[in-house]
PDB file of N, CA and C in Angstrom:
ATOM      1  N   MET A   1      21.710-161.270 154.010  1.00  0.00           N
ATOM      2  CA  MET A   1      20.413-161.836 153.714  1.00  0.00           C
ATOM      3  C   MET A   1      20.407-163.333 153.981  1.00  0.00           C
ATOM      4  N   VAL A   2      21.505-163.991 153.646  1.00  0.00           N
ATOM      5  CA  VAL A   2      21.586-165.432 153.863  1.00  0.00           C
ATOM      6  C   VAL A   2      21.474-165.757 155.350  1.00  0.00           C
ATOM      7  N   LEU A   3      22.219-165.027 156.179  1.00  0.00           N
ATOM      8  CA  LEU A   3      22.182-165.303 157.619  1.00  0.00           C
ATOM      9  C   LEU A   3      20.814-164.985 158.217  1.00  0.00           C
ATOM     10  N   ARG A   4      20.197-163.915 157.768  1.00  0.00           N
ATOM     11  CA  ARG A   4      18.870-163.556 158.282  1.00  0.00           C
ATOM     12  C   ARG A   4      17.851-164.625 157.900  1.00  0.00           C
ATOM     13  N   ALA A   5      17.910-165.089 156.670  1.00  0.00           N
ATOM     14  CA  ALA A   5      16.996-166.144 156.232  1.00  0.00           C
ATOM     15  C   ALA A   5      17.264-167.440 156.994  1.00  0.00           C
ATOM     16  N   ALA A   6      18.530-167.755 157.235  1.00  0.00           N
ATOM     17  CA  ALA A   6      18.882-168.980 157.969  1.00  0.00           C
ATOM     18  C   ALA A   6      18.289-168.957 159.370  1.00  0.00           C
ATOM     19  N   ARG A   7      18.250-167.799 159.997  1.00  0.00           N
ATOM     20  CA  ARG A   7      17.692-167.688 161.348  1.00  0.00           C
ATOM     21  C   ARG A   7      16.192-167.970 161.390  1.00  0.00           C
ATOM     22  N   GLU A   8      15.517-167.842 160.263  1.00  0.00           N
ATOM     23  CA  GLU A   8      14.078-168.117 160.200  1.00  0.00           C
ATOM     24  C   GLU A   8      13.773-169.604 160.222  1.00  0.00           C
ATOM     25  N   ILE A   9      14.734-170.422 159.863  1.00  0.00           N
ATOM     26  CA  ILE A   9      14.539-171.877 159.814  1.00  0.00           C
ATOM     27  C   ILE A   9      14.744-172.447 161.205  1.00  0.00           C
ATOM     28  N   GLN A  10      13.717-173.098 161.717  1.00  0.00           N
ATOM     29  CA  GLN A  10      13.767-173.675 163.055  1.00  0.00           C
ATOM     30  C   GLN A  10      14.002-175.179 162.984  1.00  0.00           C
ATOM     31  N   GLU A  11      14.493-175.720 164.068  1.00  0.00           N
ATOM     32  CA  GLU A  11      14.779-177.141 164.166  1.00  0.00           C
ATOM     33  C   GLU A  11      13.542-177.978 163.847  1.00  0.00           C
ATOM     34  N   GLY A  12      13.717-178.956 162.967  1.00  0.00           N
ATOM     35  CA  GLY A  12      12.650-179.892 162.622  1.00  0.00           C
ATOM     36  C   GLY A  12      11.641-179.380 161.610  1.00  0.00           C
ATOM     37  N   GLU A  13      11.785-178.145 161.128  1.00  0.00           N
ATOM     38  CA  GLU A  13      10.823-177.615 160.171  1.00  0.00           C
ATOM     39  C   GLU A  13      11.025-178.214 158.784  1.00  0.00           C
ATOM     40  N   THR A  14       9.946-178.221 158.032  1.00  0.00           N
ATOM     41  CA  THR A  14       9.981-178.575 156.626  1.00  0.00           C
ATOM     42  C   THR A  14       9.997-177.268 155.853  1.00  0.00           C
ATOM     43  N   VAL A  15      11.009-177.091 155.004  1.00  0.00           N
ATOM     44  CA  VAL A  15      11.264-175.806 154.363  1.00  0.00           C
ATOM     45  C   VAL A  15      11.273-175.971 152.845  1.00  0.00           C
ATOM     46  N   PHE A  16      10.489-175.150 152.162  1.00  0.00           N
ATOM     47  CA  PHE A  16      10.536-175.073 150.706  1.00  0.00           C
ATOM     48  C   PHE A  16      11.716-174.174 150.364  1.00  0.00           C
ATOM     49  N   VAL A  17      12.726-174.726 149.695  1.00  0.00           N
ATOM     50  CA  VAL A  17      13.982-174.030 149.470  1.00  0.00           C
ATOM     51  C   VAL A  17      14.159-173.672 147.998  1.00  0.00           C
ATOM     52  N   GLY A  18      14.340-172.387 147.742  1.00  0.00           N
ATOM     53  CA  GLY A  18      14.649-171.919 146.395  1.00  0.00           C
ATOM     54  C   GLY A  18      16.129-172.080 146.093  1.00  0.00           C
ATOM     55  N   THR A  19      16.527-171.688 144.912  1.00  0.00           N
ATOM     56  CA  THR A  19      17.905-171.860 144.475  1.00  0.00           C
ATOM     57  C   THR A  19      18.768-170.663 144.855  1.00  0.00           C
ATOM     58  N   ARG A  20      20.037-170.855 144.838  1.00  0.00           N
ATOM     59  CA  ARG A  20      21.077-169.876 145.141  1.00  0.00           C
ATOM     60  C   ARG A  20      21.040-169.396 146.594  1.00  0.00           C
ATOM     61  N   LEU A  21      20.713-168.143 146.883  1.00  0.00           N
ATOM     62  CA  LEU A  21      20.778-167.631 148.252  1.00  0.00           C
ATOM     63  C   LEU A  21      19.875-168.395 149.221  1.00  0.00           C
ATOM     64  N   PRO A  22      18.650-168.742 148.860  1.00  0.00           N
ATOM     65  CA  PRO A  22      17.843-169.559 149.774  1.00  0.00           C
ATOM     66  C   PRO A  22      18.486-170.920 150.068  1.00  0.00           C
ATOM     67  N   LEU A  23      19.119-171.496 149.079  1.00  0.00           N
ATOM     68  CA  LEU A  23      19.813-172.770 149.283  1.00  0.00           C
ATOM     69  C   LEU A  23      20.945-172.601 150.287  1.00  0.00           C
ATOM     70  N   LEU A  24      21.695-171.517 150.166  1.00  0.00           N
ATOM     71  CA  LEU A  24      22.766-171.241 151.134  1.00  0.00           C
ATOM     72  C   LEU A  24      22.202-171.034 152.537  1.00  0.00           C
ATOM     73  N   ALA A  25      21.081-170.331 152.633  1.00  0.00           N
ATOM     74  CA  ALA A  25      20.453-170.103 153.935  1.00  0.00           C
ATOM     75  C   ALA A  25      20.064-171.431 154.589  1.00  0.00           C
ATOM     76  N   TYR A  26      19.507-172.330 153.809  1.00  0.00           N
ATOM     77  CA  TYR A  26      19.139-173.644 154.345  1.00  0.00           C
ATOM     78  C   TYR A  26      20.378-174.388 154.842  1.00  0.00           C
ATOM     79  N   LEU A  27      21.446-174.355 154.068  1.00  0.00           N
ATOM     80  CA  LEU A  27      22.667-175.060 154.462  1.00  0.00           C
ATOM     81  C   LEU A  27      23.277-174.469 155.728  1.00  0.00           C
ATOM     82  N   VAL A  28      23.241-173.155 155.869  1.00  0.00           N
ATOM     83  CA  VAL A  28      23.746-172.505 157.077  1.00  0.00           C
ATOM     84  C   VAL A  28      22.911-172.936 158.284  1.00  0.00           C
ATOM     85  N   ALA A  29      21.593-172.877 158.161  1.00  0.00           N
ATOM     86  CA  ALA A  29      20.720-173.282 159.263  1.00  0.00           C
ATOM     87  C   ALA A  29      20.950-174.740 159.630  1.00  0.00           C
ATOM     88  N   LYS A  30      21.065-175.578 158.637  1.00  0.00           N
ATOM     89  CA  LYS A  30      21.263-177.011 158.853  1.00  0.00           C
ATOM     90  C   LYS A  30      22.562-177.267 159.629  1.00  0.00           C
ATOM     91  N   SER A  31      23.597-176.511 159.321  1.00  0.00           N
ATOM     92  CA  SER A  31      24.889-176.741 159.980  1.00  0.00           C
ATOM     93  C   SER A  31      25.002-176.058 161.337  1.00  0.00           C
ATOM     94  N   LEU A  32      24.244-174.979 161.567  1.00  0.00           N
ATOM     95  CA  LEU A  32      24.403-174.231 162.816  1.00  0.00           C
ATOM     96  C   LEU A  32      23.360-174.525 163.891  1.00  0.00           C
ATOM     97  N   HIS A  33      22.084-174.605 163.519  1.00  0.00           N
ATOM     98  CA  HIS A  33      21.087-174.702 164.584  1.00  0.00           C
ATOM     99  C   HIS A  33      19.852-175.545 164.249  1.00  0.00           C
ATOM    100  N   ALA A  34      19.744-176.033 163.038  1.00  0.00           N
ATOM    101  CA  ALA A  34      18.549-176.805 162.669  1.00  0.00           C
ATOM    102  C   ALA A  34      18.929-178.078 161.909  1.00  0.00           C
ATOM    103  N   PRO A  35      19.674-178.963 162.539  1.00  0.00           N
ATOM    104  CA  PRO A  35      20.148-180.154 161.815  1.00  0.00           C
ATOM    105  C   PRO A  35      19.039-181.094 161.351  1.00  0.00           C
ATOM    106  N   ARG A  36      17.847-180.996 161.937  1.00  0.00           N
ATOM    107  CA  ARG A  36      16.743-181.874 161.525  1.00  0.00           C
ATOM    108  C   ARG A  36      15.764-181.188 160.576  1.00  0.00           C
ATOM    109  N   ALA A  37      16.112-180.011 160.068  1.00  0.00           N
ATOM    110  CA  ALA A  37      15.250-179.352 159.078  1.00  0.00           C
ATOM    111  C   ALA A  37      15.249-180.178 157.794  1.00  0.00           C
ATOM    112  N   VAL A  38      14.103-180.233 157.145  1.00  0.00           N
ATOM    113  CA  VAL A  38      13.936-181.001 155.912  1.00  0.00           C
ATOM    114  C   VAL A  38      13.713-180.023 154.768  1.00  0.00           C
ATOM    115  N   ALA A  39      14.404-180.239 153.654  1.00  0.00           N
ATOM    116  CA  ALA A  39      14.283-179.354 152.495  1.00  0.00           C
ATOM    117  C   ALA A  39      13.396-179.971 151.426  1.00  0.00           C
ATOM    118  N   LEU A  40      12.492-179.152 150.900  1.00  0.00           N
ATOM    119  CA  LEU A  40      11.701-179.506 149.726  1.00  0.00           C
ATOM    120  C   LEU A  40      12.143-178.582 148.609  1.00  0.00           C
ATOM    121  N   TYR A  41      12.351-179.126 147.440  1.00  0.00           N
ATOM    122  CA  TYR A  41      12.779-178.329 146.295  1.00  0.00           C
ATOM    123  C   TYR A  41      11.704-178.353 145.222  1.00  0.00           C
ATOM    124  N   GLU A  42      11.606-177.263 144.501  1.00  0.00           N
ATOM    125  CA  GLU A  42      10.578-177.096 143.479  1.00  0.00           C
ATOM    126  C   GLU A  42      10.594-178.212 142.432  1.00  0.00           C
ATOM    127  N   ASN A  43      11.751-178.800 142.196  1.00  0.00           N
ATOM    128  CA  ASN A  43      11.847-179.861 141.190  1.00  0.00           C
ATOM    129  C   ASN A  43      11.389-181.222 141.720  1.00  0.00           C
ATOM    130  N   GLY A  44      10.931-181.289 142.978  1.00  0.00           N
ATOM    131  CA  GLY A  44      10.385-182.524 143.521  1.00  0.00           C
ATOM    132  C   GLY A  44      11.309-183.279 144.456  1.00  0.00           C
ATOM    133  N   LEU A  45      12.503-182.772 144.692  1.00  0.00           N
ATOM    134  CA  LEU A  45      13.416-183.451 145.608  1.00  0.00           C
ATOM    135  C   LEU A  45      13.077-183.105 147.052  1.00  0.00           C
ATOM    136  N   ILE A  46      13.246-184.086 147.922  1.00  0.00           N
ATOM    137  CA  ILE A  46      13.090-183.897 149.362  1.00  0.00           C
ATOM    138  C   ILE A  46      14.363-184.436 149.999  1.00  0.00           C
ATOM    139  N   ARG A  47      14.978-183.631 150.859  1.00  0.00           N
ATOM    140  CA  ARG A  47      16.224-184.038 151.508  1.00  0.00           C
ATOM    141  C   ARG A  47      16.141-183.831 153.009  1.00  0.00           C
ATOM    142  N   GLU A  48      16.503-184.868 153.755  1.00  0.00           N
ATOM    143  CA  GLU A  48      16.633-184.747 155.205  1.00  0.00           C
ATOM    144  C   GLU A  48      18.067-184.419 155.581  1.00  0.00           C
ATOM    145  N   GLU A  49      19.002-184.783 154.745  1.00  0.00           N
ATOM    146  CA  GLU A  49      20.422-184.475 154.950  1.00  0.00           C
ATOM    147  C   GLU A  49      20.883-183.562 153.826  1.00  0.00           C
ATOM    148  N   ALA A  50      21.715-182.594 154.154  1.00  0.00           N
ATOM    149  CA  ALA A  50      22.236-181.688 153.130  1.00  0.00           C
ATOM    150  C   ALA A  50      23.126-182.451 152.156  1.00  0.00           C
ATOM    151  N   ALA A  51      23.144-181.996 150.922  1.00  0.00           N
ATOM    152  CA  ALA A  51      24.032-182.595 149.919  1.00  0.00           C
ATOM    153  C   ALA A  51      25.482-182.440 150.370  1.00  0.00           C
ATOM    154  N   ARG A  52      26.319-183.368 149.989  1.00  0.00           N
ATOM    155  CA  ARG A  52      27.721-183.355 150.413  1.00  0.00           C
ATOM    156  C   ARG A  52      28.586-182.376 149.644  1.00  0.00           C
ATOM    157  N   GLU A  53      28.099-181.908 148.502  1.00  0.00           N
ATOM    158  CA  GLU A  53      28.874-180.983 147.677  1.00  0.00           C
ATOM    159  C   GLU A  53      28.117-179.683 147.492  1.00  0.00           C
ATOM    160  N   LEU A  54      28.832-178.633 147.144  1.00  0.00           N
ATOM    161  CA  LEU A  54      28.224-177.340 146.880  1.00  0.00           C
ATOM    162  C   LEU A  54      27.300-177.434 145.667  1.00  0.00           C
ATOM    163  N   LEU A  55      26.121-176.835 145.794  1.00  0.00           N
ATOM    164  CA  LEU A  55      25.141-176.853 144.718  1.00  0.00           C
ATOM    165  C   LEU A  55      25.008-175.475 144.107  1.00  0.00           C
ATOM    166  N   PHE A  56      24.795-175.427 142.820  1.00  0.00           N
ATOM    167  CA  PHE A  56      24.510-174.165 142.146  1.00  0.00           C
ATOM    168  C   PHE A  56      23.028-174.066 141.804  1.00  0.00           C
ATOM    169  N   THR A  57      22.405-175.218 141.558  1.00  0.00           N
ATOM    170  CA  THR A  57      20.969-175.274 141.338  1.00  0.00           C
ATOM    171  C   THR A  57      20.423-176.496 142.074  1.00  0.00           C
ATOM    172  N   MET A  58      19.117-176.516 142.271  1.00  0.00           N
ATOM    173  CA  MET A  58      18.508-177.628 142.988  1.00  0.00           C
ATOM    174  C   MET A  58      18.572-178.935 142.200  1.00  0.00           C
ATOM    175  N   GLY A  59      18.786-178.857 140.882  1.00  0.00           N
ATOM    176  CA  GLY A  59      18.836-180.053 140.053  1.00  0.00           C
ATOM    177  C   GLY A  59      20.225-180.620 139.848  1.00  0.00           C
ATOM    178  N   ASP A  60      21.223-180.059 140.537  1.00  0.00           N
ATOM    179  CA  ASP A  60      22.586-180.574 140.395  1.00  0.00           C
ATOM    180  C   ASP A  60      22.672-182.017 140.891  1.00  0.00           C
ATOM    181  N   PRO A  61      23.476-182.854 140.221  1.00  0.00           N
ATOM    182  CA  PRO A  61      23.579-184.265 140.609  1.00  0.00           C
ATOM    183  C   PRO A  61      23.855-184.509 142.097  1.00  0.00           C
ATOM    184  N   PRO A  62      24.711-183.712 142.782  1.00  0.00           N
ATOM    185  CA  PRO A  62      24.910-183.984 144.213  1.00  0.00           C
ATOM    186  C   PRO A  62      23.632-183.820 145.047  1.00  0.00           C
ATOM    187  N   ASN A  63      22.687-183.016 144.570  1.00  0.00           N
ATOM    188  CA  ASN A  63      21.435-182.857 145.302  1.00  0.00           C
ATOM    189  C   ASN A  63      20.511-184.046 145.077  1.00  0.00           C
ATOM    190  N   ILE A  64      20.617-184.655 143.928  1.00  0.00           N
ATOM    191  CA  ILE A  64      19.793-185.822 143.605  1.00  0.00           C
ATOM    192  C   ILE A  64      20.326-187.069 144.323  1.00  0.00           C
ATOM    193  N   LEU A  65      21.649-187.181 144.384  1.00  0.00           N
ATOM    194  CA  LEU A  65      22.293-188.328 145.032  1.00  0.00           C
ATOM    195  C   LEU A  65      21.896-188.401 146.505  1.00  0.00           C
ATOM    196  N   ASP A  66      21.397-189.520 146.925  1.00  0.00           N
ATOM    197  CA  ASP A  66      21.010-189.779 148.312  1.00  0.00           C
ATOM    198  C   ASP A  66      19.863-188.905 148.811  1.00  0.00           C
ATOM    199  N   ALA A  67      19.061-188.337 147.911  1.00  0.00           N
ATOM    200  CA  ALA A  67      17.879-187.583 148.343  1.00  0.00           C
ATOM    201  C   ALA A  67      16.933-188.533 149.068  1.00  0.00           C
ATOM    202  N   THR A  68      16.222-188.022 150.033  1.00  0.00           N
ATOM    203  CA  THR A  68      15.241-188.834 150.754  1.00  0.00           C
ATOM    204  C   THR A  68      14.150-189.305 149.807  1.00  0.00           C
ATOM    205  N   CYS A  69      13.751-188.406 148.897  1.00  0.00           N
ATOM    206  CA  CYS A  69      12.681-188.723 147.956  1.00  0.00           C
ATOM    207  C   CYS A  69      12.874-187.898 146.691  1.00  0.00           C
ATOM    208  N   ALA A  70      12.680-188.516 145.555  1.00  0.00           N
ATOM    209  CA  ALA A  70      12.691-187.810 144.274  1.00  0.00           C
ATOM    210  C   ALA A  70      11.304-187.979 143.683  1.00  0.00           C
ATOM    211  N   THR A  71      10.504-186.946 143.801  1.00  0.00           N
ATOM    212  CA  THR A  71       9.118-187.006 143.375  1.00  0.00           C
ATOM    213  C   THR A  71       8.890-185.940 142.304  1.00  0.00           C
ATOM    214  N   THR A  72       7.740-185.312 142.285  1.00  0.00           N
ATOM    215  CA  THR A  72       7.428-184.332 141.248  1.00  0.00           C
ATOM    216  C   THR A  72       7.138-182.959 141.853  1.00  0.00           C
ATOM    217  N   THR A  73       7.169-181.955 140.996  1.00  0.00           N
ATOM    218  CA  THR A  73       6.796-180.605 141.417  1.00  0.00           C
ATOM    219  C   THR A  73       5.373-180.619 141.978  1.00  0.00           C
ATOM    220  N   LEU A  74       4.482-181.348 141.331  1.00  0.00           N
ATOM    221  CA  LEU A  74       3.091-181.423 141.777  1.00  0.00           C
ATOM    222  C   LEU A  74       2.993-181.964 143.206  1.00  0.00           C
ATOM    223  N   ASP A  75       3.787-182.984 143.530  1.00  0.00           N
ATOM    224  CA  ASP A  75       3.764-183.544 144.885  1.00  0.00           C
ATOM    225  C   ASP A  75       4.232-182.529 145.917  1.00  0.00           C
ATOM    226  N   VAL A  76       5.316-181.819 145.608  1.00  0.00           N
ATOM    227  CA  VAL A  76       5.849-180.828 146.543  1.00  0.00           C
ATOM    228  C   VAL A  76       4.860-179.675 146.725  1.00  0.00           C
ATOM    229  N   MET A  77       4.277-179.202 145.627  1.00  0.00           N
ATOM    230  CA  MET A  77       3.291-178.129 145.720  1.00  0.00           C
ATOM    231  C   MET A  77       2.052-178.609 146.475  1.00  0.00           C
ATOM    232  N   GLY A  78       1.700-179.882 146.312  1.00  0.00           N
ATOM    233  CA  GLY A  78       0.582-180.455 147.054  1.00  0.00           C
ATOM    234  C   GLY A  78       0.848-180.474 148.550  1.00  0.00           C
ATOM    235  N   MET A  79       2.090-180.752 148.924  1.00  0.00           N
ATOM    236  CA  MET A  79       2.446-180.714 150.344  1.00  0.00           C
ATOM    237  C   MET A  79       2.275-179.303 150.905  1.00  0.00           C
ATOM    238  N   MET A  80       2.655-178.305 150.109  1.00  0.00           N
ATOM    239  CA  MET A  80       2.477-176.926 150.567  1.00  0.00           C
ATOM    240  C   MET A  80       1.000-176.594 150.685  1.00  0.00           C
ATOM    241  N   ALA A  81       0.208-176.974 149.695  1.00  0.00           N
ATOM    242  CA  ALA A  81      -1.227-176.687 149.712  1.00  0.00           C
ATOM    243  C   ALA A  81      -1.923-177.372 150.889  1.00  0.00           C
ATOM    244  N   ALA A  82      -1.399-178.525 151.299  1.00  0.00           N
ATOM    245  CA  ALA A  82      -1.980-179.272 152.407  1.00  0.00           C
ATOM    246  C   ALA A  82      -1.507-178.772 153.769  1.00  0.00           C
ATOM    247  N   GLY A  83      -0.648-177.757 153.777  1.00  0.00           N
ATOM    248  CA  GLY A  83      -0.163-177.203 155.038  1.00  0.00           C
ATOM    249  C   GLY A  83       0.941-178.005 155.690  1.00  0.00           C
ATOM    250  N   ARG A  84       1.644-178.817 154.910  1.00  0.00           N
ATOM    251  CA  ARG A  84       2.706-179.668 155.462  1.00  0.00           C
ATOM    252  C   ARG A  84       4.086-179.032 155.359  1.00  0.00           C
ATOM    253  N   VAL A  85       4.141-177.746 155.006  1.00  0.00           N
ATOM    254  CA  VAL A  85       5.405-177.017 154.888  1.00  0.00           C
ATOM    255  C   VAL A  85       5.371-175.854 155.872  1.00  0.00           C
ATOM    256  N   ASP A  86       6.436-175.707 156.653  1.00  0.00           N
ATOM    257  CA  ASP A  86       6.477-174.673 157.682  1.00  0.00           C
ATOM    258  C   ASP A  86       6.940-173.320 157.164  1.00  0.00           C
ATOM    259  N   LEU A  87       7.815-173.320 156.171  1.00  0.00           N
ATOM    260  CA  LEU A  87       8.448-172.089 155.732  1.00  0.00           C
ATOM    261  C   LEU A  87       8.885-172.228 154.284  1.00  0.00           C
ATOM    262  N   GLY A  88       8.836-171.154 153.539  1.00  0.00           N
ATOM    263  CA  GLY A  88       9.360-171.128 152.184  1.00  0.00           C
ATOM    264  C   GLY A  88      10.327-169.980 152.033  1.00  0.00           C
ATOM    265  N   ILE A  89      11.470-170.248 151.428  1.00  0.00           N
ATOM    266  CA  ILE A  89      12.468-169.204 151.184  1.00  0.00           C
ATOM    267  C   ILE A  89      12.793-169.227 149.699  1.00  0.00           C
ATOM    268  N   LEU A  90      12.411-168.157 149.015  1.00  0.00           N
ATOM    269  CA  LEU A  90      12.647-168.044 147.583  1.00  0.00           C
ATOM    270  C   LEU A  90      13.513-166.831 147.293  1.00  0.00           C
ATOM    271  N   GLY A  91      14.231-166.892 146.199  1.00  0.00           N
ATOM    272  CA  GLY A  91      15.015-165.746 145.756  1.00  0.00           C
ATOM    273  C   GLY A  91      14.124-164.713 145.091  1.00  0.00           C
ATOM    274  N   GLY A  92      14.656-163.535 144.913  1.00  0.00           N
ATOM    275  CA  GLY A  92      13.882-162.464 144.313  1.00  0.00           C
ATOM    276  C   GLY A  92      14.411-162.034 142.964  1.00  0.00           C
ATOM    277  N   ALA A  93      14.754-162.983 142.101  1.00  0.00           N
ATOM    278  CA  ALA A  93      15.294-162.640 140.786  1.00  0.00           C
ATOM    279  C   ALA A  93      14.277-161.866 139.966  1.00  0.00           C
ATOM    280  N   GLU A  94      13.019-162.237 140.078  1.00  0.00           N
ATOM    281  CA  GLU A  94      11.952-161.534 139.369  1.00  0.00           C
ATOM    282  C   GLU A  94      10.813-161.258 140.342  1.00  0.00           C
ATOM    283  N   VAL A  95      10.665-160.003 140.724  1.00  0.00           N
ATOM    284  CA  VAL A  95       9.596-159.587 141.615  1.00  0.00           C
ATOM    285  C   VAL A  95       8.850-158.441 140.935  1.00  0.00           C
ATOM    286  N   ASP A  96       7.515-158.584 140.811  1.00  0.00           N
ATOM    287  CA  ASP A  96       6.759-157.511 140.166  1.00  0.00           C
ATOM    288  C   ASP A  96       6.415-156.412 141.172  1.00  0.00           C
ATOM    289  N   ARG A  97       5.744-155.393 140.714  1.00  0.00           N
ATOM    290  CA  ARG A  97       5.465-154.240 141.563  1.00  0.00           C
ATOM    291  C   ARG A  97       4.494-154.569 142.707  1.00  0.00           C
ATOM    292  N   PHE A  98       3.845-155.727 142.677  1.00  0.00           N
ATOM    293  CA  PHE A  98       2.943-156.145 143.736  1.00  0.00           C
ATOM    294  C   PHE A  98       3.618-157.092 144.733  1.00  0.00           C
ATOM    295  N   GLY A  99       4.899-157.407 144.500  1.00  0.00           N
ATOM    296  CA  GLY A  99       5.629-158.312 145.387  1.00  0.00           C
ATOM    297  C   GLY A  99       5.508-159.769 145.015  1.00  0.00           C
ATOM    298  N   ASN A 100       4.927-160.087 143.869  1.00  0.00           N
ATOM    299  CA  ASN A 100       4.824-161.470 143.407  1.00  0.00           C
ATOM    300  C   ASN A 100       6.176-161.953 142.884  1.00  0.00           C
ATOM    301  N   VAL A 101       6.567-163.155 143.300  1.00  0.00           N
ATOM    302  CA  VAL A 101       7.823-163.748 142.868  1.00  0.00           C
ATOM    303  C   VAL A 101       7.551-164.693 141.712  1.00  0.00           C
ATOM    304  N   ASN A 102       8.412-164.668 140.692  1.00  0.00           N
ATOM    305  CA  ASN A 102       8.262-165.541 139.540  1.00  0.00           C
ATOM    306  C   ASN A 102       8.730-166.945 139.927  1.00  0.00           C
ATOM    307  N   SER A 103       7.799-167.767 140.369  1.00  0.00           N
ATOM    308  CA  SER A 103       8.097-169.142 140.765  1.00  0.00           C
ATOM    309  C   SER A 103       6.885-169.989 140.428  1.00  0.00           C
ATOM    310  N   THR A 104       7.067-171.272 140.389  1.00  0.00           N
ATOM    311  CA  THR A 104       5.958-172.184 140.137  1.00  0.00           C
ATOM    312  C   THR A 104       4.888-171.982 141.184  1.00  0.00           C
TER     313      THR A 104
END
């Protein structure tokens, strides 16, 4: 699943990245074929460069360190609403019978 999701990320895209498997997919894409992809995280972080250390959640200190921008959830969601995000990859920890994912 990680490799399949990574293949969806294209060079230069802005990607809304969820935690755990989506985060791994972004890191794989960034290292293999999309080095200019930009990550947006639900907690308001924006990164043009991948964190230097392994992350378990988007709020881990290595993800905050050297982030391009540390803003708010509202700002990131506003970017999505304005059409400034190319792709979103979220985990499926909670999916209801209609396919809705439990996310902000």
